[in-house]
Structure formats: C-alpha cells, structure tokens
PDB file of N, CA and C in Angstrom:
ATOM      1  N   UNK A   1      87.774  73.609 104.280  1.00  0.00           N
ATOM      2  CA  UNK A   1      87.635  73.805 105.983  1.00  0.00           C
ATOM      3  C   UNK A   1      89.153  74.730 106.074  1.00  0.00           C
ATOM      4  N   UNK A   2      88.543  75.763 107.037  1.00  0.00           N
ATOM      5  CA  UNK A   2      89.941  77.154 107.215  1.00  0.00           C
ATOM      6  C   UNK A   2      90.739  76.344 107.902  1.00  0.00           C
ATOM      7  N   UNK A   3      92.097  76.512 108.229  1.00  0.00           N
ATOM      8  CA  UNK A   3      93.336  76.332 108.586  1.00  0.00           C
ATOM      9  C   UNK A   3      93.673  76.749 110.070  1.00  0.00           C
ATOM     10  N   UNK A   4      92.460  77.531 110.185  1.00  0.00           N
ATOM     11  CA  UNK A   4      93.069  78.590 111.529  1.00  0.00           C
ATOM     12  C   UNK A   4      92.002  77.982 112.728  1.00  0.00           C
ATOM     13  N   UNK A   5      92.300  77.737 113.734  1.00  0.00           N
ATOM     14  CA  UNK A   5      91.979  76.884 114.721  1.00  0.00           C
ATOM     15  C   UNK A   5      90.688  77.857 115.474  1.00  0.00           C
ATOM     16  N   UNK A   6      90.988  78.823 115.736  1.00  0.00           N
ATOM     17  CA  UNK A   6      90.218  80.150 116.480  1.00  0.00           C
ATOM     18  C   UNK A   6      88.609  80.311 115.772  1.00  0.00           C
ATOM     19  N   UNK A   7      88.753  80.268 113.952  1.00  0.00           N
ATOM     20  CA  UNK A   7      87.664  80.791 113.615  1.00  0.00           C
ATOM     21  C   UNK A   7      87.099  79.656 113.689  1.00  0.00           C
ATOM     22  N   UNK A   8      85.768  80.425 113.614  1.00  0.00           N
ATOM     23  CA  UNK A   8      84.723  80.225 113.220  1.00  0.00           C
ATOM     24  C   UNK A   8      84.065  79.171 111.968  1.00  0.00           C
ATOM     25  N   UNK A   9      84.362  80.224 110.849  1.00  0.00           N
ATOM     26  CA  UNK A   9      84.325  79.856 109.069  1.00  0.00           C
ATOM     27  C   UNK A   9      85.608  80.609 108.138  1.00  0.00           C
ATOM     28  N   UNK A  10      84.935  80.577 107.300  1.00  0.00           N
ATOM     29  CA  UNK A  10      85.658  80.719 106.266  1.00  0.00           C
ATOM     30  C   UNK A  10      85.271  82.307 105.403  1.00  0.00           C
ATOM     31  N   UNK A  11      85.272  83.418 106.125  1.00  0.00           N
ATOM     32  CA  UNK A  11      84.570  84.561 105.925  1.00  0.00           C
ATOM     33  C   UNK A  11      85.016  85.886 105.605  1.00  0.00           C
ATOM     34  N   UNK A  12      86.962  85.399 106.257  1.00  0.00           N
ATOM     35  CA  UNK A  12      87.879  86.318 106.243  1.00  0.00           C
ATOM     36  C   UNK A  12      88.849  85.802 104.724  1.00  0.00           C
ATOM     37  N   UNK A  13      88.963  84.663 104.262  1.00  0.00           N
ATOM     38  CA  UNK A  13      89.232  83.936 103.522  1.00  0.00           C
ATOM     39  C   UNK A  13      88.154  84.122 101.746  1.00  0.00           C
ATOM     40  N   UNK A  14      87.480  84.115 102.048  1.00  0.00           N
ATOM     41  CA  UNK A  14      86.390  84.319 100.745  1.00  0.00           C
ATOM     42  C   UNK A  14      86.561  85.956 100.249  1.00  0.00           C
ATOM     43  N   UNK A  15      86.293  86.536 101.425  1.00  0.00           N
ATOM     44  CA  UNK A  15      86.338  88.538 100.770  1.00  0.00           C
ATOM     45  C   UNK A  15      87.641  88.249 100.735  1.00  0.00           C
ATOM     46  N   UNK A  16      88.914  88.230 100.876  1.00  0.00           N
ATOM     47  CA  UNK A  16      90.257  88.047 100.124  1.00  0.00           C
ATOM     48  C   UNK A  16      90.514  87.658  99.081  1.00  0.00           C
ATOM     49  N   UNK A  17      89.703  86.711  98.978  1.00  0.00           N
ATOM     50  CA  UNK A  17      89.682  85.676  97.575  1.00  0.00           C
ATOM     51  C   UNK A  17      88.774  86.375  96.556  1.00  0.00           C
ATOM     52  N   UNK A  18      87.583  87.427  96.932  1.00  0.00           N
ATOM     53  CA  UNK A  18      86.714  88.126  96.060  1.00  0.00           C
ATOM     54  C   UNK A  18      87.962  89.481  95.577  1.00  0.00           C
ATOM     55  N   UNK A  19      88.135  90.074  96.292  1.00  0.00           N
ATOM     56  CA  UNK A  19      89.636  90.857  96.095  1.00  0.00           C
ATOM     57  C   UNK A  19      90.150  90.765  95.081  1.00  0.00           C
ATOM     58  N   UNK A  20      90.710  89.424  95.737  1.00  0.00           N
ATOM     59  CA  UNK A  20      91.704  89.179  94.579  1.00  0.00           C
ATOM     60  C   UNK A  20      91.199  89.019  93.055  1.00  0.00           C
ATOM     61  N   UNK A  21      89.989  88.501  92.900  1.00  0.00           N
ATOM     62  CA  UNK A  21      89.037  88.237  91.483  1.00  0.00           C
ATOM     63  C   UNK A  21      88.560  89.878  90.790  1.00  0.00           C
ATOM     64  N   UNK A  22      88.070  90.616  91.818  1.00  0.00           N
ATOM     65  CA  UNK A  22      87.645  91.754  91.492  1.00  0.00           C
ATOM     66  C   UNK A  22      89.084  92.475  90.586  1.00  0.00           C
ATOM     67  N   UNK A  23      90.108  92.500  91.128  1.00  0.00           N
ATOM     68  CA  UNK A  23      91.503  92.775  90.964  1.00  0.00           C
ATOM     69  C   UNK A  23      92.095  91.981  89.460  1.00  0.00           C
ATOM     70  N   UNK A  24      91.888  90.938  89.344  1.00  0.00           N
ATOM     71  CA  UNK A  24      92.237  90.583  88.510  1.00  0.00           C
ATOM     72  C   UNK A  24      91.164  90.743  87.276  1.00  0.00           C
ATOM     73  N   UNK A  25      89.900  90.728  86.943  1.00  0.00           N
ATOM     74  CA  UNK A  25      89.167  91.228  86.390  1.00  0.00           C
ATOM     75  C   UNK A  25      88.898  92.161  85.930  1.00  0.00           C
ATOM     76  N   UNK A  26      89.430  93.820  87.030  1.00  0.00           N
ATOM     77  CA  UNK A  26      89.756  94.687  86.320  1.00  0.00           C
ATOM     78  C   UNK A  26      91.212  95.363  86.246  1.00  0.00           C
ATOM     79  N   UNK A  27      91.927  93.857  86.025  1.00  0.00           N
ATOM     80  CA  UNK A  27      92.926  93.864  85.204  1.00  0.00           C
ATOM     81  C   UNK A  27      92.931  93.432  83.630  1.00  0.00           C
ATOM     82  N   UNK A  28      92.010  92.772  83.563  1.00  0.00           N
ATOM     83  CA  UNK A  28      91.704  92.145  82.557  1.00  0.00           C
ATOM     84  C   UNK A  28      90.907  93.279  81.510  1.00  0.00           C
ATOM     85  N   UNK A  29      90.070  94.060  82.070  1.00  0.00           N
ATOM     86  CA  UNK A  29      89.177  94.707  81.362  1.00  0.00           C
ATOM     87  C   UNK A  29      90.476  96.026  81.153  1.00  0.00           C
ATOM     88  N   UNK A  30      91.282  96.047  81.712  1.00  0.00           N
ATOM     89  CA  UNK A  30      92.517  97.133  81.592  1.00  0.00           C
ATOM     90  C   UNK A  30      92.975  97.119  80.235  1.00  0.00           C
ATOM     91  N   UNK A  31      93.503  95.585  80.158  1.00  0.00           N
ATOM     92  CA  UNK A  31      94.131  95.435  78.829  1.00  0.00           C
ATOM     93  C   UNK A  31      93.781  95.371  77.545  1.00  0.00           C
ATOM     94  N   UNK A  32      92.200  95.149  77.303  1.00  0.00           N
ATOM     95  CA  UNK A  32      91.244  95.574  76.702  1.00  0.00           C
ATOM     96  C   UNK A  32      90.774  97.399  76.120  1.00  0.00           C
ATOM     97  N   UNK A  33      90.944  98.211  77.245  1.00  0.00           N
ATOM     98  CA  UNK A  33      90.891  99.247  77.044  1.00  0.00           C
ATOM     99  C   UNK A  33      91.972  99.858  76.465  1.00  0.00           C
ATOM    100  N   UNK A  34      93.342  98.926  77.231  1.00  0.00           N
ATOM    101  CA  UNK A  34      94.240  99.907  76.395  1.00  0.00           C
ATOM    102  C   UNK A  34      94.544  99.105  75.020  1.00  0.00           C
ATOM    103  N   UNK A  35      93.734  97.784  74.520  1.00  0.00           N
ATOM    104  CA  UNK A  35      94.142  97.872  72.947  1.00  0.00           C
ATOM    105  C   UNK A  35      93.370  98.316  72.432  1.00  0.00           C
ATOM    106  N   UNK A  36      91.739  98.667  73.055  1.00  0.00           N
ATOM    107  CA  UNK A  36      91.179  99.597  72.093  1.00  0.00           C
ATOM    108  C   UNK A  36      90.994 101.070  71.935  1.00  0.00           C
ATOM    109  N   UNK A  37      92.485 101.509  72.446  1.00  0.00           N
ATOM    110  CA  UNK A  37      92.276 102.933  72.180  1.00  0.00           C
ATOM    111  C   UNK A  37      93.906 103.228  71.990  1.00  0.00           C
ATOM    112  N   UNK A  38      94.413 102.227  71.744  1.00  0.00           N
ATOM    113  CA  UNK A  38      94.874 102.265  70.811  1.00  0.00           C
ATOM    114  C   UNK A  38      94.721 101.665  69.147  1.00  0.00           C
ATOM    115  N   UNK A  39      94.032 101.515  69.332  1.00  0.00           N
ATOM    116  CA  UNK A  39      93.570 101.034  67.585  1.00  0.00           C
ATOM    117  C   UNK A  39      92.314 102.403  67.471  1.00  0.00           C
ATOM    118  N   UNK A  40      91.743 102.955  68.510  1.00  0.00           N
ATOM    119  CA  UNK A  40      91.277 104.314  68.249  1.00  0.00           C
ATOM    120  C   UNK A  40      92.174 105.678  68.084  1.00  0.00           C
ATOM    121  N   UNK A  41      93.609 104.926  68.248  1.00  0.00           N
ATOM    122  CA  UNK A  41      94.473 106.486  67.966  1.00  0.00           C
ATOM    123  C   UNK A  41      94.325 107.607  69.449  1.00  0.00           C
ATOM    124  N   UNK A  42      93.933 107.086  70.846  1.00  0.00           N
ATOM    125  CA  UNK A  42      94.055 107.621  71.757  1.00  0.00           C
ATOM    126  C   UNK A  42      95.000 107.813  72.129  1.00  0.00           C
ATOM    127  N   UNK A  43      95.997 107.769  72.424  1.00  0.00           N
ATOM    128  CA  UNK A  43      97.540 107.598  72.753  1.00  0.00           C
ATOM    129  C   UNK A  43      97.790 108.254  74.398  1.00  0.00           C
ATOM    130  N   UNK A  44      96.928 108.875  74.391  1.00  0.00           N
ATOM    131  CA  UNK A  44      96.739 109.353  75.848  1.00  0.00           C
ATOM    132  C   UNK A  44      96.216 108.596  76.906  1.00  0.00           C
ATOM    133  N   UNK A  45      95.200 107.793  76.097  1.00  0.00           N
ATOM    134  CA  UNK A  45      94.081 107.008  77.182  1.00  0.00           C
ATOM    135  C   UNK A  45      94.587 105.472  77.222  1.00  0.00           C
ATOM    136  N   UNK A  46      95.306 105.044  75.788  1.00  0.00           N
ATOM    137  CA  UNK A  46      96.150 104.241  76.142  1.00  0.00           C
ATOM    138  C   UNK A  46      97.534 104.172  77.204  1.00  0.00           C
ATOM    139  N   UNK A  47      98.319 105.617  77.264  1.00  0.00           N
ATOM    140  CA  UNK A  47      99.140 105.660  78.527  1.00  0.00           C
ATOM    141  C   UNK A  47      98.862 105.501  79.434  1.00  0.00           C
ATOM    142  N   UNK A  48      97.512 105.948  80.075  1.00  0.00           N
ATOM    143  CA  UNK A  48      96.779 105.897  81.323  1.00  0.00           C
ATOM    144  C   UNK A  48      96.140 104.883  81.455  1.00  0.00           C
ATOM    145  N   UNK A  49      95.867 104.072  80.587  1.00  0.00           N
ATOM    146  CA  UNK A  49      95.386 102.614  81.077  1.00  0.00           C
ATOM    147  C   UNK A  49      96.421 101.786  81.258  1.00  0.00           C
ATOM    148  N   UNK A  50      97.571 101.755  80.863  1.00  0.00           N
ATOM    149  CA  UNK A  50      98.770 100.976  80.514  1.00  0.00           C
ATOM    150  C   UNK A  50      99.227 100.866  81.723  1.00  0.00           C
ATOM    151  N   UNK A  51      99.152 102.292  82.745  1.00  0.00           N
ATOM    152  CA  UNK A  51      99.648 102.804  83.968  1.00  0.00           C
ATOM    153  C   UNK A  51      98.879 102.538  84.906  1.00  0.00           C
ATOM    154  N   UNK A  52      97.672 102.793  84.848  1.00  0.00           N
ATOM    155  CA  UNK A  52      96.596 101.785  85.422  1.00  0.00           C
ATOM    156  C   UNK A  52      96.726 100.140  85.825  1.00  0.00           C
ATOM    157  N   UNK A  53      97.088  99.762  84.690  1.00  0.00           N
ATOM    158  CA  UNK A  53      96.781  98.565  84.669  1.00  0.00           C
ATOM    159  C   UNK A  53      98.096  97.897  85.277  1.00  0.00           C
ATOM    160  N   UNK A  54      98.806  98.617  85.502  1.00  0.00           N
ATOM    161  CA  UNK A  54     100.683  98.192  85.918  1.00  0.00           C
ATOM    162  C   UNK A  54     100.661  98.470  87.609  1.00  0.00           C
ATOM    163  N   UNK A  55      99.294  99.393  88.153  1.00  0.00           N
ATOM    164  CA  UNK A  55      99.060  99.358  88.926  1.00  0.00           C
ATOM    165  C   UNK A  55      97.775  98.388  89.853  1.00  0.00           C
ATOM    166  N   UNK A  56      97.171  98.297  88.934  1.00  0.00           N
ATOM    167  CA  UNK A  56      96.865  97.002  89.158  1.00  0.00           C
ATOM    168  C   UNK A  56      97.011  95.713  89.270  1.00  0.00           C
ATOM    169  N   UNK A  57      98.211  95.478  88.736  1.00  0.00           N
ATOM    170  CA  UNK A  57      99.592  94.063  88.771  1.00  0.00           C
ATOM    171  C   UNK A  57      99.744  94.015  90.055  1.00  0.00           C
ATOM    172  N   UNK A  58      99.898  95.348  90.760  1.00  0.00           N
ATOM    173  CA  UNK A  58     100.812  95.093  91.669  1.00  0.00           C
ATOM    174  C   UNK A  58      99.891  94.846  92.717  1.00  0.00           C
ATOM    175  N   UNK A  59      98.687  95.539  92.393  1.00  0.00           N
ATOM    176  CA  UNK A  59      97.347  94.901  93.329  1.00  0.00           C
ATOM    177  C   UNK A  59      96.860  93.885  93.582  1.00  0.00           C
ATOM    178  N   UNK A  60      96.632  93.220  92.395  1.00  0.00           N
ATOM    179  CA  UNK A  60      96.843  91.691  92.434  1.00  0.00           C
ATOM    180  C   UNK A  60      97.548  90.820  93.058  1.00  0.00           C
ATOM    181  N   UNK A  61      98.723  91.146  92.852  1.00  0.00           N
ATOM    182  CA  UNK A  61      99.850  90.600  93.988  1.00  0.00           C
ATOM    183  C   UNK A  61     100.254  90.760  95.350  1.00  0.00           C
ATOM    184  N   UNK A  62      99.321  92.169  95.684  1.00  0.00           N
ATOM    185  CA  UNK A  62      99.669  92.835  96.996  1.00  0.00           C
ATOM    186  C   UNK A  62      98.449  92.070  97.610  1.00  0.00           C
ATOM    187  N   UNK A  63      97.036  91.898  97.172  1.00  0.00           N
ATOM    188  CA  UNK A  63      95.808  90.836  98.077  1.00  0.00           C
ATOM    189  C   UNK A  63      96.299  89.879  98.166  1.00  0.00           C
ATOM    190  N   UNK A  64      97.482  89.422  97.171  1.00  0.00           N
ATOM    191  CA  UNK A  64      97.975  87.706  98.185  1.00  0.00           C
ATOM    192  C   UNK A  64      98.892  88.268  99.455  1.00  0.00           C
ATOM    193  N   UNK A  65      98.874  89.151 100.197  1.00  0.00           N
ATOM    194  CA  UNK A  65      99.849  89.063 101.264  1.00  0.00           C
ATOM    195  C   UNK A  65      98.606  89.625 102.032  1.00  0.00           C
ATOM    196  N   UNK A  66      97.157  89.372 102.043  1.00  0.00           N
ATOM    197  CA  UNK A  66      96.537  89.652 103.146  1.00  0.00           C
ATOM    198  C   UNK A  66      96.044  88.084 102.990  1.00  0.00           C
ATOM    199  N   UNK A  67      96.351  87.063 101.950  1.00  0.00           N
ATOM    200  CA  UNK A  67      96.092  85.390 102.680  1.00  0.00           C
ATOM    201  C   UNK A  67      97.287  85.611 104.076  1.00  0.00           C
ATOM    202  N   UNK A  68      98.153  85.785 104.092  1.00  0.00           N
ATOM    203  CA  UNK A  68      99.722  85.884 104.786  1.00  0.00           C
ATOM    204  C   UNK A  68      99.252  86.381 106.447  1.00  0.00           C
ATOM    205  N   UNK A  69      98.439  87.027 105.996  1.00  0.00           N
ATOM    206  CA  UNK A  69      98.050  87.770 106.769  1.00  0.00           C
ATOM    207  C   UNK A  69      96.790  87.344 107.949  1.00  0.00           C
ATOM    208  N   UNK A  70      95.905  86.632 107.522  1.00  0.00           N
ATOM    209  CA  UNK A  70      95.180  85.881 108.113  1.00  0.00           C
ATOM    210  C   UNK A  70      95.491  84.544 108.502  1.00  0.00           C
ATOM    211  N   UNK A  71      96.761  83.893 108.292  1.00  0.00           N
ATOM    212  CA  UNK A  71      97.125  83.067 108.552  1.00  0.00           C
ATOM    213  C   UNK A  71      97.840  83.675 110.318  1.00  0.00           C
ATOM    214  N   UNK A  72      98.109  84.493 110.710  1.00  0.00           N
ATOM    215  CA  UNK A  72      98.480  85.012 111.863  1.00  0.00           C
ATOM    216  C   UNK A  72      97.701  85.606 112.865  1.00  0.00           C
ATOM    217  N   UNK A  73      97.108  84.411 113.588  1.00  0.00           N
ATOM    218  CA  UNK A  73      96.047  84.651 114.985  1.00  0.00           C
ATOM    219  C   UNK A  73      96.938  85.513 115.915  1.00  0.00           C
ATOM    220  N   UNK A  74      97.861  85.824 116.100  1.00  0.00           N
ATOM    221  CA  UNK A  74      98.460  86.772 116.916  1.00  0.00           C
ATOM    222  C   UNK A  74      98.547  87.950 116.598  1.00  0.00           C
ATOM    223  N   UNK A  75      98.083  88.669 116.126  1.00  0.00           N
ATOM    224  CA  UNK A  75      98.142  90.346 115.120  1.00  0.00           C
ATOM    225  C   UNK A  75      97.336  90.358 114.897  1.00  0.00           C
ATOM    226  N   UNK A  76      96.503  91.397 114.780  1.00  0.00           N
ATOM    227  CA  UNK A  76      94.979  91.888 114.328  1.00  0.00           C
ATOM    228  C   UNK A  76      95.922  92.655 113.239  1.00  0.00           C
ATOM    229  N   UNK A  77      95.762  92.291 111.432  1.00  0.00           N
ATOM    230  CA  UNK A  77      95.538  93.295 110.401  1.00  0.00           C
ATOM    231  C   UNK A  77      94.566  93.890 110.404  1.00  0.00           C
ATOM    232  N   UNK A  78      94.415  95.018 109.424  1.00  0.00           N
ATOM    233  CA  UNK A  78      93.270  95.740 108.910  1.00  0.00           C
ATOM    234  C   UNK A  78      93.512  96.072 107.559  1.00  0.00           C
ATOM    235  N   UNK A  79      92.295  95.269 106.859  1.00  0.00           N
ATOM    236  CA  UNK A  79      91.807  95.269 105.431  1.00  0.00           C
ATOM    237  C   UNK A  79      91.305  96.228 104.662  1.00  0.00           C
ATOM    238  N   UNK A  80      92.133  97.376 104.791  1.00  0.00           N
ATOM    239  CA  UNK A  80      91.670  98.798 105.406  1.00  0.00           C
ATOM    240  C   UNK A  80      92.285  99.173 103.727  1.00  0.00           C
ATOM    241  N   UNK A  81      94.228  98.614 103.618  1.00  0.00           N
ATOM    242  CA  UNK A  81      94.623  98.911 102.459  1.00  0.00           C
ATOM    243  C   UNK A  81      94.215  97.895 101.729  1.00  0.00           C
ATOM    244  N   UNK A  82      93.873  97.112 101.719  1.00  0.00           N
ATOM    245  CA  UNK A  82      93.719  96.439 100.912  1.00  0.00           C
ATOM    246  C   UNK A  82      92.450  96.274  99.760  1.00  0.00           C
ATOM    247  N   UNK A  83      91.522  96.527 100.642  1.00  0.00           N
ATOM    248  CA  UNK A  83      90.275  97.727  99.734  1.00  0.00           C
ATOM    249  C   UNK A  83      90.340  98.835  99.600  1.00  0.00           C
ATOM    250  N   UNK A  84      91.009  99.196  99.784  1.00  0.00           N
ATOM    251  CA  UNK A  84      91.730 100.808  98.606  1.00  0.00           C
ATOM    252  C   UNK A  84      92.240 100.539  97.546  1.00  0.00           C
ATOM    253  N   UNK A  85      93.043  99.442  98.137  1.00  0.00           N
ATOM    254  CA  UNK A  85      93.484  99.494  96.767  1.00  0.00           C
ATOM    255  C   UNK A  85      92.734  98.933  95.276  1.00  0.00           C
ATOM    256  N   UNK A  86      92.176  98.126  95.729  1.00  0.00           N
ATOM    257  CA  UNK A  86      90.626  97.159  95.169  1.00  0.00           C
ATOM    258  C   UNK A  86      89.621  98.318  94.295  1.00  0.00           C
ATOM    259  N   UNK A  87      89.541  99.028  95.121  1.00  0.00           N
ATOM    260  CA  UNK A  87      88.642 100.233  94.830  1.00  0.00           C
ATOM    261  C   UNK A  87      89.302 101.402  93.885  1.00  0.00           C
ATOM    262  N   UNK A  88      91.189 101.313  93.714  1.00  0.00           N
ATOM    263  CA  UNK A  88      91.176 102.135  92.652  1.00  0.00           C
ATOM    264  C   UNK A  88      91.633 101.857  91.562  1.00  0.00           C
ATOM    265  N   UNK A  89      91.660 100.143  91.786  1.00  0.00           N
ATOM    266  CA  UNK A  89      91.711  99.469  90.536  1.00  0.00           C
ATOM    267  C   UNK A  89      90.825  99.630  89.299  1.00  0.00           C
ATOM    268  N   UNK A  90      89.583  99.237  90.096  1.00  0.00           N
ATOM    269  CA  UNK A  90      88.450  99.154  89.797  1.00  0.00           C
ATOM    270  C   UNK A  90      87.998 100.781  89.399  1.00  0.00           C
ATOM    271  N   UNK A  91      88.123 101.589  90.145  1.00  0.00           N
ATOM    272  CA  UNK A  91      87.954 103.091  89.752  1.00  0.00           C
ATOM    273  C   UNK A  91      88.604 103.521  88.322  1.00  0.00           C
ATOM    274  N   UNK A  92      89.965 102.785  88.267  1.00  0.00           N
ATOM    275  CA  UNK A  92      90.768 103.243  87.790  1.00  0.00           C
ATOM    276  C   UNK A  92      90.096 102.950  85.910  1.00  0.00           C
ATOM    277  N   UNK A  93      89.641 101.640  86.065  1.00  0.00           N
ATOM    278  CA  UNK A  93      89.398 100.380  84.973  1.00  0.00           C
ATOM    279  C   UNK A  93      87.827 101.174  84.906  1.00  0.00           C
ATOM    280  N   UNK A  94      87.040 101.735  85.250  1.00  0.00           N
ATOM    281  CA  UNK A  94      85.560 102.663  85.116  1.00  0.00           C
ATOM    282  C   UNK A  94      85.860 103.938  84.313  1.00  0.00           C
ATOM    283  N   UNK A  95      87.169 104.380  85.024  1.00  0.00           N
ATOM    284  CA  UNK A  95      87.470 105.557  84.334  1.00  0.00           C
ATOM    285  C   UNK A  95      87.658 105.174  83.291  1.00  0.00           C
ATOM    286  N   UNK A  96      88.742 104.851  82.385  1.00  0.00           N
ATOM    287  CA  UNK A  96      89.282 104.407  80.944  1.00  0.00           C
ATOM    288  C   UNK A  96      88.212 103.922  79.648  1.00  0.00           C
ATOM    289  N   UNK A  97      87.318 103.055  80.551  1.00  0.00           N
ATOM    290  CA  UNK A  97      86.183 102.922  80.217  1.00  0.00           C
ATOM    291  C   UNK A  97      85.061 104.028  79.855  1.00  0.00           C
ATOM    292  N   UNK A  98      85.189 104.935  80.563  1.00  0.00           N
ATOM    293  CA  UNK A  98      83.850 106.373  80.506  1.00  0.00           C
ATOM    294  C   UNK A  98      84.618 106.712  78.512  1.00  0.00           C
ATOM    295  N   UNK A  99      85.864 106.785  79.351  1.00  0.00           N
ATOM    296  CA  UNK A  99      86.677 107.945  78.393  1.00  0.00           C
ATOM    297  C   UNK A  99      86.849 107.233  77.539  1.00  0.00           C
ATOM    298  N   UNK A 100      86.762 105.729  76.803  1.00  0.00           N
ATOM    299  CA  UNK A 100      86.698 105.349  75.702  1.00  0.00           C
ATOM    300  C   UNK A 100      85.280 105.051  75.191  1.00  0.00           C
ATOM    301  N   UNK A 101      84.027 105.353  75.994  1.00  0.00           N
ATOM    302  CA  UNK A 101      82.442 105.057  75.274  1.00  0.00           C
ATOM    303  C   UNK A 101      82.411 106.943  75.278  1.00  0.00           C
ATOM    304  N   UNK A 102      82.608 107.542  75.757  1.00  0.00           N
ATOM    305  CA  UNK A 102      82.397 108.850  75.419  1.00  0.00           C
ATOM    306  C   UNK A 102      83.579 108.865  73.534  1.00  0.00           C
ATOM    307  N   UNK A 103      84.648 108.209  73.243  1.00  0.00           N
ATOM    308  CA  UNK A 103      85.307 108.593  72.276  1.00  0.00           C
ATOM    309  C   UNK A 103      84.596 107.781  71.395  1.00  0.00           C
ATOM    310  N   UNK A 104      84.332 106.730  71.638  1.00  0.00           N
ATOM    311  CA  UNK A 104      83.542 105.687  70.388  1.00  0.00           C
ATOM    312  C   UNK A 104      82.180 106.262  70.137  1.00  0.00           C
ATOM    313  N   UNK A 105      81.363 107.157  70.966  1.00  0.00           N
ATOM    314  CA  UNK A 105      79.970 107.295  71.119  1.00  0.00           C
ATOM    315  C   UNK A 105      80.119 108.856  70.292  1.00  0.00           C
ATOM    316  N   UNK A 106      80.804 109.574  70.227  1.00  0.00           N
ATOM    317  CA  UNK A 106      80.898 111.056  69.486  1.00  0.00           C
ATOM    318  C   UNK A 106      81.748 109.959  68.147  1.00  0.00           C
ATOM    319  N   UNK A 107      82.028 109.443  67.878  1.00  0.00           N
ATOM    320  CA  UNK A 107      82.645 108.855  66.311  1.00  0.00           C
ATOM    321  C   UNK A 107      81.744 108.843  65.866  1.00  0.00           C
TER     322      UNK A 107
END
C-alpha cells in the first residue's frame, strides 16, 4: 500500500517505477551499442553512445528524485522534466541503434 494517506492508489509510484525501468533498459542497450560500435571500428558512434549512456546514467538517478517528490503532499510537482529525460535517453539509444543497424547492414 501507498504510504501517502490522501492518495487513493499507487499510480504515481507505478509511473515513476516504469520511467526508471525504461531509463535503465535504455542504459543497458547503450552499453551494448558502444561495445558493438567499438568492435565495428565506429569510434565516432562509440563516443556518441558513451556520451548518451552517461546522460542516461544521470537520468536513471534523476528519476529516483521523483519518489522524493511524490512523498511531499504539500506541494505539487510536475512530472514533465522526468518524462522528457526518459524520452531523450530512449531516443538516444534508438539513434545509436539505428546507426549501428545501418552500418552492419551495409557491410
């Protein structure tokens, strides 16, 4: 059960957990993408992937802040920043994955 007395359900907590899982999955994909880029000799793509993985690591930790915000019933917090962070992390993983897919397909 939620520790929040005025909340009827766990929807905010489930949403924050889903964002955290999505960001973490994106990070795992990025690490694999960087390794693949290095094996293919694509140093620029590997550097791009490493930068995006670093930003994604910060995002994973930042989504944790959402749980702190959810505990404060006195003040309303917007989830918009966290949604954008997770979307950027996922988009970055997709970008690097797409570049690597085109690289592998053209060989």
